Amino acid sequence: DVRNIIESAREMLDWSHMLDVVAATKPRF
């Protein structure tokens, strides 16, 4: 799931930020 872990596609421009996001994300299963 990418749609529900960021509020804007422009967040994808920031590599370090996206690593922090996926590190904190809960899996869907």
mmCIF file of all heavy atoms, coordinates in Angstrom:
data_MODEL
# 
_entry.id   MODEL 
# 
loop_
_atom_site.group_PDB 
_atom_site.id 
_atom_site.type_symbol 
_atom_site.label_atom_id 
_atom_site.label_alt_id 
_atom_site.label_comp_id 
_atom_site.label_asym_id 
_atom_site.label_entity_id 
_atom_site.label_seq_id 
_atom_site.pdbx_PDB_ins_code 
_atom_site.Cartn_x 
_atom_site.Cartn_y 
_atom_site.Cartn_z 
_atom_site.occupancy 
_atom_site.B_iso_or_equiv 
_atom_site.pdbx_formal_charge 
_atom_site.auth_seq_id 
_atom_site.auth_comp_id 
_atom_site.auth_asym_id 
_atom_site.auth_atom_id 
_atom_site.pdbx_PDB_model_num 
ATOM 1   N N   . ASP A 1 1  ? 0.828  -1.210  0.000  1.00 0.00 ? 1  ASP A N   1 
ATOM 2   C CA  . ASP A 1 1  ? 0.000  0.000   0.000  1.00 0.00 ? 1  ASP A CA  1 
ATOM 3   C C   . ASP A 1 1  ? 0.863  1.261   0.000  1.00 0.00 ? 1  ASP A C   1 
ATOM 4   O O   . ASP A 1 1  ? 1.610  1.507   0.938  1.00 0.00 ? 1  ASP A O   1 
ATOM 5   C CB  . ASP A 1 1  ? -0.905 -0.021  1.234  1.00 0.00 ? 1  ASP A CB  1 
ATOM 6   C CG  . ASP A 1 1  ? -1.919 1.111   1.261  1.00 0.00 ? 1  ASP A CG  1 
ATOM 7   O OD1 . ASP A 1 1  ? -1.840 2.016   0.403  1.00 0.00 ? 1  ASP A OD1 1 
ATOM 8   O OD2 . ASP A 1 1  ? -2.795 1.094   2.146  1.00 0.00 ? 1  ASP A OD2 1 
ATOM 9   N N   . VAL A 1 2  ? 0.774  2.051   -1.052 1.00 0.00 ? 2  VAL A N   1 
ATOM 10  C CA  . VAL A 1 2  ? 1.440  3.358   -1.078 1.00 0.00 ? 2  VAL A CA  1 
ATOM 11  C C   . VAL A 1 2  ? 0.421  4.483   -0.894 1.00 0.00 ? 2  VAL A C   1 
ATOM 12  O O   . VAL A 1 2  ? 0.739  5.539   -0.360 1.00 0.00 ? 2  VAL A O   1 
ATOM 13  C CB  . VAL A 1 2  ? 2.243  3.563   -2.382 1.00 0.00 ? 2  VAL A CB  1 
ATOM 14  C CG1 . VAL A 1 2  ? 1.321  3.689   -3.601 1.00 0.00 ? 2  VAL A CG1 1 
ATOM 15  C CG2 . VAL A 1 2  ? 3.159  4.767   -2.285 1.00 0.00 ? 2  VAL A CG2 1 
ATOM 16  N N   . ARG A 1 3  ? -0.804 4.250   -1.304 1.00 0.00 ? 3  ARG A N   1 
ATOM 17  C CA  . ARG A 1 3  ? -1.814 5.304   -1.312 1.00 0.00 ? 3  ARG A CA  1 
ATOM 18  C C   . ARG A 1 3  ? -2.138 5.825   0.085  1.00 0.00 ? 3  ARG A C   1 
ATOM 19  O O   . ARG A 1 3  ? -2.424 7.021   0.260  1.00 0.00 ? 3  ARG A O   1 
ATOM 20  C CB  . ARG A 1 3  ? -3.087 4.787   -1.982 1.00 0.00 ? 3  ARG A CB  1 
ATOM 21  C CG  . ARG A 1 3  ? -4.118 5.868   -2.259 1.00 0.00 ? 3  ARG A CG  1 
ATOM 22  C CD  . ARG A 1 3  ? -5.237 5.367   -3.146 1.00 0.00 ? 3  ARG A CD  1 
ATOM 23  N NE  . ARG A 1 3  ? -6.196 6.421   -3.442 1.00 0.00 ? 3  ARG A NE  1 
ATOM 24  C CZ  . ARG A 1 3  ? -6.045 7.343   -4.383 1.00 0.00 ? 3  ARG A CZ  1 
ATOM 25  N NH1 . ARG A 1 3  ? -4.957 7.348   -5.130 1.00 0.00 ? 3  ARG A NH1 1 
ATOM 26  N NH2 . ARG A 1 3  ? -6.962 8.263   -4.594 1.00 0.00 ? 3  ARG A NH2 1 
ATOM 27  N N   . ASN A 1 4  ? -2.067 4.950   1.075  1.00 0.00 ? 4  ASN A N   1 
ATOM 28  C CA  . ASN A 1 4  ? -2.477 5.336   2.422  1.00 0.00 ? 4  ASN A CA  1 
ATOM 29  C C   . ASN A 1 4  ? -1.316 5.612   3.367  1.00 0.00 ? 4  ASN A C   1 
ATOM 30  O O   . ASN A 1 4  ? -1.533 5.833   4.558  1.00 0.00 ? 4  ASN A O   1 
ATOM 31  C CB  . ASN A 1 4  ? -3.382 4.251   3.007  1.00 0.00 ? 4  ASN A CB  1 
ATOM 32  C CG  . ASN A 1 4  ? -4.678 4.116   2.224  1.00 0.00 ? 4  ASN A CG  1 
ATOM 33  O OD1 . ASN A 1 4  ? -5.460 5.051   2.134  1.00 0.00 ? 4  ASN A OD1 1 
ATOM 34  N ND2 . ASN A 1 4  ? -4.888 2.947   1.620  1.00 0.00 ? 4  ASN A ND2 1 
ATOM 35  N N   . ILE A 1 5  ? -0.091 5.636   2.838  1.00 0.00 ? 5  ILE A N   1 
ATOM 36  C CA  . ILE A 1 5  ? 1.057  5.899   3.719  1.00 0.00 ? 5  ILE A CA  1 
ATOM 37  C C   . ILE A 1 5  ? 1.679  7.273   3.460  1.00 0.00 ? 5  ILE A C   1 
ATOM 38  O O   . ILE A 1 5  ? 2.493  7.731   4.256  1.00 0.00 ? 5  ILE A O   1 
ATOM 39  C CB  . ILE A 1 5  ? 2.133  4.796   3.624  1.00 0.00 ? 5  ILE A CB  1 
ATOM 40  C CG1 . ILE A 1 5  ? 2.778  4.748   2.244  1.00 0.00 ? 5  ILE A CG1 1 
ATOM 41  C CG2 . ILE A 1 5  ? 1.545  3.434   3.994  1.00 0.00 ? 5  ILE A CG2 1 
ATOM 42  C CD1 . ILE A 1 5  ? 3.985  3.795   2.169  1.00 0.00 ? 5  ILE A CD1 1 
ATOM 43  N N   . ILE A 1 6  ? 1.304  7.905   2.338  1.00 0.00 ? 6  ILE A N   1 
ATOM 44  C CA  . ILE A 1 6  ? 1.736  9.286   2.082  1.00 0.00 ? 6  ILE A CA  1 
ATOM 45  C C   . ILE A 1 6  ? 0.526  10.108  1.640  1.00 0.00 ? 6  ILE A C   1 
ATOM 46  O O   . ILE A 1 6  ? -0.430 9.568   1.090  1.00 0.00 ? 6  ILE A O   1 
ATOM 47  C CB  . ILE A 1 6  ? 2.861  9.374   1.024  1.00 0.00 ? 6  ILE A CB  1 
ATOM 48  C CG1 . ILE A 1 6  ? 2.467  8.677   -0.284 1.00 0.00 ? 6  ILE A CG1 1 
ATOM 49  C CG2 . ILE A 1 6  ? 4.162  8.810   1.576  1.00 0.00 ? 6  ILE A CG2 1 
ATOM 50  C CD1 . ILE A 1 6  ? 3.493  8.823   -1.394 1.00 0.00 ? 6  ILE A CD1 1 
ATOM 51  N N   . GLU A 1 7  ? 0.590  11.404  1.869  1.00 0.00 ? 7  GLU A N   1 
ATOM 52  C CA  . GLU A 1 7  ? -0.527 12.293  1.535  1.00 0.00 ? 7  GLU A CA  1 
ATOM 53  C C   . GLU A 1 7  ? -0.403 12.880  0.137  1.00 0.00 ? 7  GLU A C   1 
ATOM 54  O O   . GLU A 1 7  ? -1.375 13.324  -0.439 1.00 0.00 ? 7  GLU A O   1 
ATOM 55  C CB  . GLU A 1 7  ? -0.622 13.426  2.566  1.00 0.00 ? 7  GLU A CB  1 
ATOM 56  C CG  . GLU A 1 7  ? -1.083 12.967  3.937  1.00 0.00 ? 7  GLU A CG  1 
ATOM 57  C CD  . GLU A 1 7  ? -2.419 12.235  3.874  1.00 0.00 ? 7  GLU A CD  1 
ATOM 58  O OE1 . GLU A 1 7  ? -3.357 12.755  3.222  1.00 0.00 ? 7  GLU A OE1 1 
ATOM 59  O OE2 . GLU A 1 7  ? -2.521 11.143  4.455  1.00 0.00 ? 7  GLU A OE2 1 
ATOM 60  N N   . SER A 1 8  ? 0.816  12.885  -0.405 1.00 0.00 ? 8  SER A N   1 
ATOM 61  C CA  . SER A 1 8  ? 1.036  13.459  -1.731 1.00 0.00 ? 8  SER A CA  1 
ATOM 62  C C   . SER A 1 8  ? 2.132  12.687  -2.458 1.00 0.00 ? 8  SER A C   1 
ATOM 63  O O   . SER A 1 8  ? 3.153  12.314  -1.849 1.00 0.00 ? 8  SER A O   1 
ATOM 64  C CB  . SER A 1 8  ? 1.450  14.928  -1.623 1.00 0.00 ? 8  SER A CB  1 
ATOM 65  O OG  . SER A 1 8  ? 1.945  15.403  -2.865 1.00 0.00 ? 8  SER A OG  1 
ATOM 66  N N   . ALA A 1 9  ? 1.931  12.478  -3.756 1.00 0.00 ? 9  ALA A N   1 
ATOM 67  C CA  . ALA A 1 9  ? 2.945  11.801  -4.566 1.00 0.00 ? 9  ALA A CA  1 
ATOM 68  C C   . ALA A 1 9  ? 4.276  12.541  -4.538 1.00 0.00 ? 9  ALA A C   1 
ATOM 69  O O   . ALA A 1 9  ? 5.336  11.927  -4.725 1.00 0.00 ? 9  ALA A O   1 
ATOM 70  C CB  . ALA A 1 9  ? 2.453  11.661  -6.004 1.00 0.00 ? 9  ALA A CB  1 
ATOM 71  N N   . ARG A 1 10 ? 4.241  13.829  -4.283 1.00 0.00 ? 10 ARG A N   1 
ATOM 72  C CA  . ARG A 1 10 ? 5.484  14.602  -4.263 1.00 0.00 ? 10 ARG A CA  1 
ATOM 73  C C   . ARG A 1 10 ? 6.408  14.199  -3.106 1.00 0.00 ? 10 ARG A C   1 
ATOM 74  O O   . ARG A 1 10 ? 7.615  14.480  -3.155 1.00 0.00 ? 10 ARG A O   1 
ATOM 75  C CB  . ARG A 1 10 ? 5.178  16.107  -4.206 1.00 0.00 ? 10 ARG A CB  1 
ATOM 76  C CG  . ARG A 1 10 ? 4.506  16.617  -5.482 1.00 0.00 ? 10 ARG A CG  1 
ATOM 77  C CD  . ARG A 1 10 ? 4.435  18.146  -5.497 1.00 0.00 ? 10 ARG A CD  1 
ATOM 78  N NE  . ARG A 1 10 ? 5.753  18.763  -5.437 1.00 0.00 ? 10 ARG A NE  1 
ATOM 79  C CZ  . ARG A 1 10 ? 6.584  18.877  -6.459 1.00 0.00 ? 10 ARG A CZ  1 
ATOM 80  N NH1 . ARG A 1 10 ? 6.252  18.394  -7.648 1.00 0.00 ? 10 ARG A NH1 1 
ATOM 81  N NH2 . ARG A 1 10 ? 7.756  19.455  -6.303 1.00 0.00 ? 10 ARG A NH2 1 
ATOM 82  N N   . GLU A 1 11 ? 5.877  13.531  -2.113 1.00 0.00 ? 11 GLU A N   1 
ATOM 83  C CA  . GLU A 1 11 ? 6.729  13.008  -1.038 1.00 0.00 ? 11 GLU A CA  1 
ATOM 84  C C   . GLU A 1 11 ? 7.730  11.988  -1.581 1.00 0.00 ? 11 GLU A C   1 
ATOM 85  O O   . GLU A 1 11 ? 8.794  11.775  -0.982 1.00 0.00 ? 11 GLU A O   1 
ATOM 86  C CB  . GLU A 1 11 ? 5.871  12.378  0.063  1.00 0.00 ? 11 GLU A CB  1 
ATOM 87  C CG  . GLU A 1 11 ? 5.020  13.371  0.836  1.00 0.00 ? 11 GLU A CG  1 
ATOM 88  C CD  . GLU A 1 11 ? 4.168  12.706  1.899  1.00 0.00 ? 11 GLU A CD  1 
ATOM 89  O OE1 . GLU A 1 11 ? 4.721  11.930  2.712  1.00 0.00 ? 11 GLU A OE1 1 
ATOM 90  O OE2 . GLU A 1 11 ? 2.938  12.944  1.914  1.00 0.00 ? 11 GLU A OE2 1 
ATOM 91  N N   . MET A 1 12 ? 7.393  11.357  -2.714 1.00 0.00 ? 12 MET A N   1 
ATOM 92  C CA  . MET A 1 12 ? 8.283  10.353  -3.299 1.00 0.00 ? 12 MET A CA  1 
ATOM 93  C C   . MET A 1 12 ? 9.594  10.952  -3.792 1.00 0.00 ? 12 MET A C   1 
ATOM 94  O O   . MET A 1 12 ? 10.558 10.228  -4.045 1.00 0.00 ? 12 MET A O   1 
ATOM 95  C CB  . MET A 1 12 ? 7.588  9.624   -4.452 1.00 0.00 ? 12 MET A CB  1 
ATOM 96  C CG  . MET A 1 12 ? 6.341  8.866   -4.055 1.00 0.00 ? 12 MET A CG  1 
ATOM 97  S SD  . MET A 1 12 ? 5.709  7.756   -5.352 1.00 0.00 ? 12 MET A SD  1 
ATOM 98  C CE  . MET A 1 12 ? 5.320  8.908   -6.670 1.00 0.00 ? 12 MET A CE  1 
ATOM 99  N N   . LEU A 1 13 ? 9.654  12.275  -3.934 1.00 0.00 ? 13 LEU A N   1 
ATOM 100 C CA  . LEU A 1 13 ? 10.880 12.941  -4.369 1.00 0.00 ? 13 LEU A CA  1 
ATOM 101 C C   . LEU A 1 13 ? 11.975 12.891  -3.305 1.00 0.00 ? 13 LEU A C   1 
ATOM 102 O O   . LEU A 1 13 ? 13.144 13.108  -3.606 1.00 0.00 ? 13 LEU A O   1 
ATOM 103 C CB  . LEU A 1 13 ? 10.586 14.404  -4.732 1.00 0.00 ? 13 LEU A CB  1 
ATOM 104 C CG  . LEU A 1 13 ? 9.649  14.638  -5.930 1.00 0.00 ? 13 LEU A CG  1 
ATOM 105 C CD1 . LEU A 1 13 ? 9.235  16.095  -6.000 1.00 0.00 ? 13 LEU A CD1 1 
ATOM 106 C CD2 . LEU A 1 13 ? 10.323 14.201  -7.227 1.00 0.00 ? 13 LEU A CD2 1 
ATOM 107 N N   . ASP A 1 14 ? 11.587 12.615  -2.063 1.00 0.00 ? 14 ASP A N   1 
ATOM 108 C CA  . ASP A 1 14 ? 12.524 12.645  -0.926 1.00 0.00 ? 14 ASP A CA  1 
ATOM 109 C C   . ASP A 1 14 ? 12.839 11.218  -0.482 1.00 0.00 ? 14 ASP A C   1 
ATOM 110 O O   . ASP A 1 14 ? 12.055 10.580  0.229  1.00 0.00 ? 14 ASP A O   1 
ATOM 111 C CB  . ASP A 1 14 ? 11.901 13.450  0.220  1.00 0.00 ? 14 ASP A CB  1 
ATOM 112 C CG  . ASP A 1 14 ? 12.861 13.682  1.381  1.00 0.00 ? 14 ASP A CG  1 
ATOM 113 O OD1 . ASP A 1 14 ? 13.827 12.901  1.543  1.00 0.00 ? 14 ASP A OD1 1 
ATOM 114 O OD2 . ASP A 1 14 ? 12.635 14.648  2.143  1.00 0.00 ? 14 ASP A OD2 1 
ATOM 115 N N   . TRP A 1 15 ? 13.983 10.703  -0.898 1.00 0.00 ? 15 TRP A N   1 
ATOM 116 C CA  . TRP A 1 15 ? 14.391 9.321   -0.615 1.00 0.00 ? 15 TRP A CA  1 
ATOM 117 C C   . TRP A 1 15 ? 14.442 9.040   0.892  1.00 0.00 ? 15 TRP A C   1 
ATOM 118 O O   . TRP A 1 15 ? 13.860 8.048   1.360  1.00 0.00 ? 15 TRP A O   1 
ATOM 119 C CB  . TRP A 1 15 ? 15.741 9.065   -1.265 1.00 0.00 ? 15 TRP A CB  1 
ATOM 120 C CG  . TRP A 1 15 ? 16.431 7.787   -0.910 1.00 0.00 ? 15 TRP A CG  1 
ATOM 121 C CD1 . TRP A 1 15 ? 17.530 7.636   -0.105 1.00 0.00 ? 15 TRP A CD1 1 
ATOM 122 C CD2 . TRP A 1 15 ? 16.097 6.458   -1.357 1.00 0.00 ? 15 TRP A CD2 1 
ATOM 123 N NE1 . TRP A 1 15 ? 17.900 6.307   -0.026 1.00 0.00 ? 15 TRP A NE1 1 
ATOM 124 C CE2 . TRP A 1 15 ? 17.037 5.569   -0.789 1.00 0.00 ? 15 TRP A CE2 1 
ATOM 125 C CE3 . TRP A 1 15 ? 15.093 5.949   -2.179 1.00 0.00 ? 15 TRP A CE3 1 
ATOM 126 C CZ2 . TRP A 1 15 ? 17.003 4.193   -1.019 1.00 0.00 ? 15 TRP A CZ2 1 
ATOM 127 C CZ3 . TRP A 1 15 ? 15.060 4.576   -2.405 1.00 0.00 ? 15 TRP A CZ3 1 
ATOM 128 C CH2 . TRP A 1 15 ? 16.005 3.711   -1.823 1.00 0.00 ? 15 TRP A CH2 1 
ATOM 129 N N   . SER A 1 16 ? 15.124 9.881   1.649  1.00 0.00 ? 16 SER A N   1 
ATOM 130 C CA  . SER A 1 16 ? 15.269 9.640   3.091  1.00 0.00 ? 16 SER A CA  1 
ATOM 131 C C   . SER A 1 16 ? 13.912 9.631   3.786  1.00 0.00 ? 16 SER A C   1 
ATOM 132 O O   . SER A 1 16 ? 13.656 8.790   4.669  1.00 0.00 ? 16 SER A O   1 
ATOM 133 C CB  . SER A 1 16 ? 16.168 10.711  3.729  1.00 0.00 ? 16 SER A CB  1 
ATOM 134 O OG  . SER A 1 16 ? 17.464 10.646  3.205  1.00 0.00 ? 16 SER A OG  1 
ATOM 135 N N   . HIS A 1 17 ? 13.054 10.551  3.389  1.00 0.00 ? 17 HIS A N   1 
ATOM 136 C CA  . HIS A 1 17 ? 11.707 10.604  3.963  1.00 0.00 ? 17 HIS A CA  1 
ATOM 137 C C   . HIS A 1 17 ? 10.945 9.314   3.685  1.00 0.00 ? 17 HIS A C   1 
ATOM 138 O O   . HIS A 1 17 ? 10.292 8.761   4.588  1.00 0.00 ? 17 HIS A O   1 
ATOM 139 C CB  . HIS A 1 17 ? 10.952 11.802  3.379  1.00 0.00 ? 17 HIS A CB  1 
ATOM 140 C CG  . HIS A 1 17 ? 9.477  11.792  3.646  1.00 0.00 ? 17 HIS A CG  1 
ATOM 141 N ND1 . HIS A 1 17 ? 8.945  11.925  4.911  1.00 0.00 ? 17 HIS A ND1 1 
ATOM 142 C CD2 . HIS A 1 17 ? 8.408  11.629  2.794  1.00 0.00 ? 17 HIS A CD2 1 
ATOM 143 C CE1 . HIS A 1 17 ? 7.625  11.873  4.844  1.00 0.00 ? 17 HIS A CE1 1 
ATOM 144 N NE2 . HIS A 1 17 ? 7.270  11.682  3.578  1.00 0.00 ? 17 HIS A NE2 1 
ATOM 145 N N   . MET A 1 18 ? 11.036 8.795   2.458  1.00 0.00 ? 18 MET A N   1 
ATOM 146 C CA  . MET A 1 18 ? 10.299 7.580   2.111  1.00 0.00 ? 18 MET A CA  1 
ATOM 147 C C   . MET A 1 18 ? 10.838 6.363   2.864  1.00 0.00 ? 18 MET A C   1 
ATOM 148 O O   . MET A 1 18 ? 10.070 5.451   3.197  1.00 0.00 ? 18 MET A O   1 
ATOM 149 C CB  . MET A 1 18 ? 10.315 7.347   0.608  1.00 0.00 ? 18 MET A CB  1 
ATOM 150 C CG  . MET A 1 18 ? 9.491  8.357   -0.188 1.00 0.00 ? 18 MET A CG  1 
ATOM 151 S SD  . MET A 1 18 ? 7.787  8.585   0.405  1.00 0.00 ? 18 MET A SD  1 
ATOM 152 C CE  . MET A 1 18 ? 7.154  6.906   0.293  1.00 0.00 ? 18 MET A CE  1 
ATOM 153 N N   . LEU A 1 19 ? 12.137 6.336   3.140  1.00 0.00 ? 19 LEU A N   1 
ATOM 154 C CA  . LEU A 1 19 ? 12.679 5.236   3.955  1.00 0.00 ? 19 LEU A CA  1 
ATOM 155 C C   . LEU A 1 19 ? 12.099 5.298   5.364  1.00 0.00 ? 19 LEU A C   1 
ATOM 156 O O   . LEU A 1 19 ? 11.750 4.255   5.952  1.00 0.00 ? 19 LEU A O   1 
ATOM 157 C CB  . LEU A 1 19 ? 14.209 5.302   4.008  1.00 0.00 ? 19 LEU A CB  1 
ATOM 158 C CG  . LEU A 1 19 ? 14.971 5.099   2.697  1.00 0.00 ? 19 LEU A CG  1 
ATOM 159 C CD1 . LEU A 1 19 ? 16.460 4.900   2.991  1.00 0.00 ? 19 LEU A CD1 1 
ATOM 160 C CD2 . LEU A 1 19 ? 14.437 3.922   1.892  1.00 0.00 ? 19 LEU A CD2 1 
ATOM 161 N N   . ASP A 1 20 ? 11.973 6.492   5.909  1.00 0.00 ? 20 ASP A N   1 
ATOM 162 C CA  . ASP A 1 20 ? 11.367 6.643   7.239  1.00 0.00 ? 20 ASP A CA  1 
ATOM 163 C C   . ASP A 1 20 ? 9.899  6.205   7.210  1.00 0.00 ? 20 ASP A C   1 
ATOM 164 O O   . ASP A 1 20 ? 9.416  5.557   8.150  1.00 0.00 ? 20 ASP A O   1 
ATOM 165 C CB  . ASP A 1 20 ? 11.454 8.101   7.702  1.00 0.00 ? 20 ASP A CB  1 
ATOM 166 C CG  . ASP A 1 20 ? 12.872 8.547   8.012  1.00 0.00 ? 20 ASP A CG  1 
ATOM 167 O OD1 . ASP A 1 20 ? 13.744 7.675   8.217  1.00 0.00 ? 20 ASP A OD1 1 
ATOM 168 O OD2 . ASP A 1 20 ? 13.113 9.770   8.032  1.00 0.00 ? 20 ASP A OD2 1 
ATOM 169 N N   . VAL A 1 21 ? 9.201  6.553   6.130  1.00 0.00 ? 21 VAL A N   1 
ATOM 170 C CA  . VAL A 1 21 ? 7.787  6.198   6.010  1.00 0.00 ? 21 VAL A CA  1 
ATOM 171 C C   . VAL A 1 21 ? 7.607  4.684   5.992  1.00 0.00 ? 21 VAL A C   1 
ATOM 172 O O   . VAL A 1 21 ? 6.775  4.131   6.737  1.00 0.00 ? 21 VAL A O   1 
ATOM 173 C CB  . VAL A 1 21 ? 7.162  6.834   4.739  1.00 0.00 ? 21 VAL A CB  1 
ATOM 174 C CG1 . VAL A 1 21 ? 5.785  6.233   4.459  1.00 0.00 ? 21 VAL A CG1 1 
ATOM 175 C CG2 . VAL A 1 21 ? 7.047  8.342   4.902  1.00 0.00 ? 21 VAL A CG2 1 
ATOM 176 N N   . VAL A 1 22 ? 8.360  3.973   5.151  1.00 0.00 ? 22 VAL A N   1 
ATOM 177 C CA  . VAL A 1 22 ? 8.165  2.513   5.068  1.00 0.00 ? 22 VAL A CA  1 
ATOM 178 C C   . VAL A 1 22 ? 8.643  1.825   6.344  1.00 0.00 ? 22 VAL A C   1 
ATOM 179 O O   . VAL A 1 22 ? 8.070  0.799   6.747  1.00 0.00 ? 22 VAL A O   1 
ATOM 180 C CB  . VAL A 1 22 ? 8.836  1.886   3.818  1.00 0.00 ? 22 VAL A CB  1 
ATOM 181 C CG1 . VAL A 1 22 ? 8.205  2.413   2.549  1.00 0.00 ? 22 VAL A CG1 1 
ATOM 182 C CG2 . VAL A 1 22 ? 10.329 2.070   3.815  1.00 0.00 ? 22 VAL A CG2 1 
ATOM 183 N N   . ALA A 1 23 ? 9.646  2.383   7.002  1.00 0.00 ? 23 ALA A N   1 
ATOM 184 C CA  . ALA A 1 23 ? 10.108 1.793   8.266  1.00 0.00 ? 23 ALA A CA  1 
ATOM 185 C C   . ALA A 1 23 ? 9.012  1.842   9.325  1.00 0.00 ? 23 ALA A C   1 
ATOM 186 O O   . ALA A 1 23 ? 8.922  0.949   10.178 1.00 0.00 ? 23 ALA A O   1 
ATOM 187 C CB  . ALA A 1 23 ? 11.361 2.507   8.760  1.00 0.00 ? 23 ALA A CB  1 
ATOM 188 N N   . ALA A 1 24 ? 8.171  2.868   9.274  1.00 0.00 ? 24 ALA A N   1 
ATOM 189 C CA  . ALA A 1 24 ? 7.112  3.040   10.275 1.00 0.00 ? 24 ALA A CA  1 
ATOM 190 C C   . ALA A 1 24 ? 5.777  2.422   9.871  1.00 0.00 ? 24 ALA A C   1 
ATOM 191 O O   . ALA A 1 24 ? 4.848  2.367   10.684 1.00 0.00 ? 24 ALA A O   1 
ATOM 192 C CB  . ALA A 1 24 ? 6.912  4.529   10.543 1.00 0.00 ? 24 ALA A CB  1 
ATOM 193 N N   . THR A 1 25 ? 5.673  1.924   8.632  1.00 0.00 ? 25 THR A N   1 
ATOM 194 C CA  . THR A 1 25 ? 4.392  1.446   8.103  1.00 0.00 ? 25 THR A CA  1 
ATOM 195 C C   . THR A 1 25 ? 4.020  0.066   8.642  1.00 0.00 ? 25 THR A C   1 
ATOM 196 O O   . THR A 1 25 ? 4.879  -0.797  8.825  1.00 0.00 ? 25 THR A O   1 
ATOM 197 C CB  . THR A 1 25 ? 4.453  1.395   6.553  1.00 0.00 ? 25 THR A CB  1 
ATOM 198 O OG1 . THR A 1 25 ? 4.593  2.735   6.065  1.00 0.00 ? 25 THR A OG1 1 
ATOM 199 C CG2 . THR A 1 25 ? 3.211  0.768   5.960  1.00 0.00 ? 25 THR A CG2 1 
ATOM 200 N N   . LYS A 1 26 ? 2.731  -0.120  8.858  1.00 0.00 ? 26 LYS A N   1 
ATOM 201 C CA  . LYS A 1 26 ? 2.198  -1.425  9.257  1.00 0.00 ? 26 LYS A CA  1 
ATOM 202 C C   . LYS A 1 26 ? 1.778  -2.198  8.013  1.00 0.00 ? 26 LYS A C   1 
ATOM 203 O O   . LYS A 1 26 ? 1.050  -1.675  7.165  1.00 0.00 ? 26 LYS A O   1 
ATOM 204 C CB  . LYS A 1 26 ? 0.990  -1.244  10.177 1.00 0.00 ? 26 LYS A CB  1 
ATOM 205 C CG  . LYS A 1 26 ? 0.412  -2.562  10.687 1.00 0.00 ? 26 LYS A CG  1 
ATOM 206 C CD  . LYS A 1 26 ? -0.761 -2.317  11.632 1.00 0.00 ? 26 LYS A CD  1 
ATOM 207 C CE  . LYS A 1 26 ? -1.319 -3.650  12.154 1.00 0.00 ? 26 LYS A CE  1 
ATOM 208 N NZ  . LYS A 1 26 ? -2.432 -3.436  13.096 1.00 0.00 ? 26 LYS A NZ  1 
ATOM 209 N N   . PRO A 1 27 ? 2.205  -3.462  7.856  1.00 0.00 ? 27 PRO A N   1 
ATOM 210 C CA  . PRO A 1 27 ? 1.805  -4.255  6.686  1.00 0.00 ? 27 PRO A CA  1 
ATOM 211 C C   . PRO A 1 27 ? 0.293  -4.497  6.666  1.00 0.00 ? 27 PRO A C   1 
ATOM 212 O O   . PRO A 1 27 ? -0.355 -4.539  7.712  1.00 0.00 ? 27 PRO A O   1 
ATOM 213 C CB  . PRO A 1 27 ? 2.557  -5.574  6.861  1.00 0.00 ? 27 PRO A CB  1 
ATOM 214 C CG  . PRO A 1 27 ? 3.561  -5.338  7.929  1.00 0.00 ? 27 PRO A CG  1 
ATOM 215 C CD  . PRO A 1 27 ? 3.068  -4.225  8.768  1.00 0.00 ? 27 PRO A CD  1 
ATOM 216 N N   . ARG A 1 28 ? -0.241 -4.690  5.458  1.00 0.00 ? 28 ARG A N   1 
ATOM 217 C CA  . ARG A 1 28 ? -1.676 -4.978  5.321  1.00 0.00 ? 28 ARG A CA  1 
ATOM 218 C C   . ARG A 1 28 ? -1.986 -6.429  5.683  1.00 0.00 ? 28 ARG A C   1 
ATOM 219 O O   . ARG A 1 28 ? -3.134 -6.772  5.974  1.00 0.00 ? 28 ARG A O   1 
ATOM 220 C CB  . ARG A 1 28 ? -2.119 -4.668  3.894  1.00 0.00 ? 28 ARG A CB  1 
ATOM 221 C CG  . ARG A 1 28 ? -2.131 -3.183  3.559  1.00 0.00 ? 28 ARG A CG  1 
ATOM 222 C CD  . ARG A 1 28 ? -3.453 -2.537  3.923  1.00 0.00 ? 28 ARG A CD  1 
ATOM 223 N NE  . ARG A 1 28 ? -4.500 -2.961  3.013  1.00 0.00 ? 28 ARG A NE  1 
ATOM 224 C CZ  . ARG A 1 28 ? -4.831 -2.332  1.885  1.00 0.00 ? 28 ARG A CZ  1 
ATOM 225 N NH1 . ARG A 1 28 ? -4.200 -1.217  1.544  1.00 0.00 ? 28 ARG A NH1 1 
ATOM 226 N NH2 . ARG A 1 28 ? -5.784 -2.792  1.108  1.00 0.00 ? 28 ARG A NH2 1 
ATOM 227 N N   . PHE A 1 29 ? -0.990 -7.305  5.613  1.00 0.00 ? 29 PHE A N   1 
ATOM 228 C CA  . PHE A 1 29 ? -1.124 -8.673  6.122  1.00 0.00 ? 29 PHE A CA  1 
ATOM 229 C C   . PHE A 1 29 ? 0.244  -9.124  6.620  1.00 0.00 ? 29 PHE A C   1 
ATOM 230 O O   . PHE A 1 29 ? 1.272  -8.521  6.281  1.00 0.00 ? 29 PHE A O   1 
ATOM 231 C CB  . PHE A 1 29 ? -1.691 -9.632  5.059  1.00 0.00 ? 29 PHE A CB  1 
ATOM 232 C CG  . PHE A 1 29 ? -0.929 -9.690  3.756  1.00 0.00 ? 29 PHE A CG  1 
ATOM 233 C CD1 . PHE A 1 29 ? 0.245  -10.437 3.642  1.00 0.00 ? 29 PHE A CD1 1 
ATOM 234 C CD2 . PHE A 1 29 ? -1.397 -9.015  2.642  1.00 0.00 ? 29 PHE A CD2 1 
ATOM 235 C CE1 . PHE A 1 29 ? 0.932  -10.502 2.437  1.00 0.00 ? 29 PHE A CE1 1 
ATOM 236 C CE2 . PHE A 1 29 ? -0.719 -9.071  1.425  1.00 0.00 ? 29 PHE A CE2 1 
ATOM 237 C CZ  . PHE A 1 29 ? 0.455  -9.827  1.328  1.00 0.00 ? 29 PHE A CZ  1 
# 
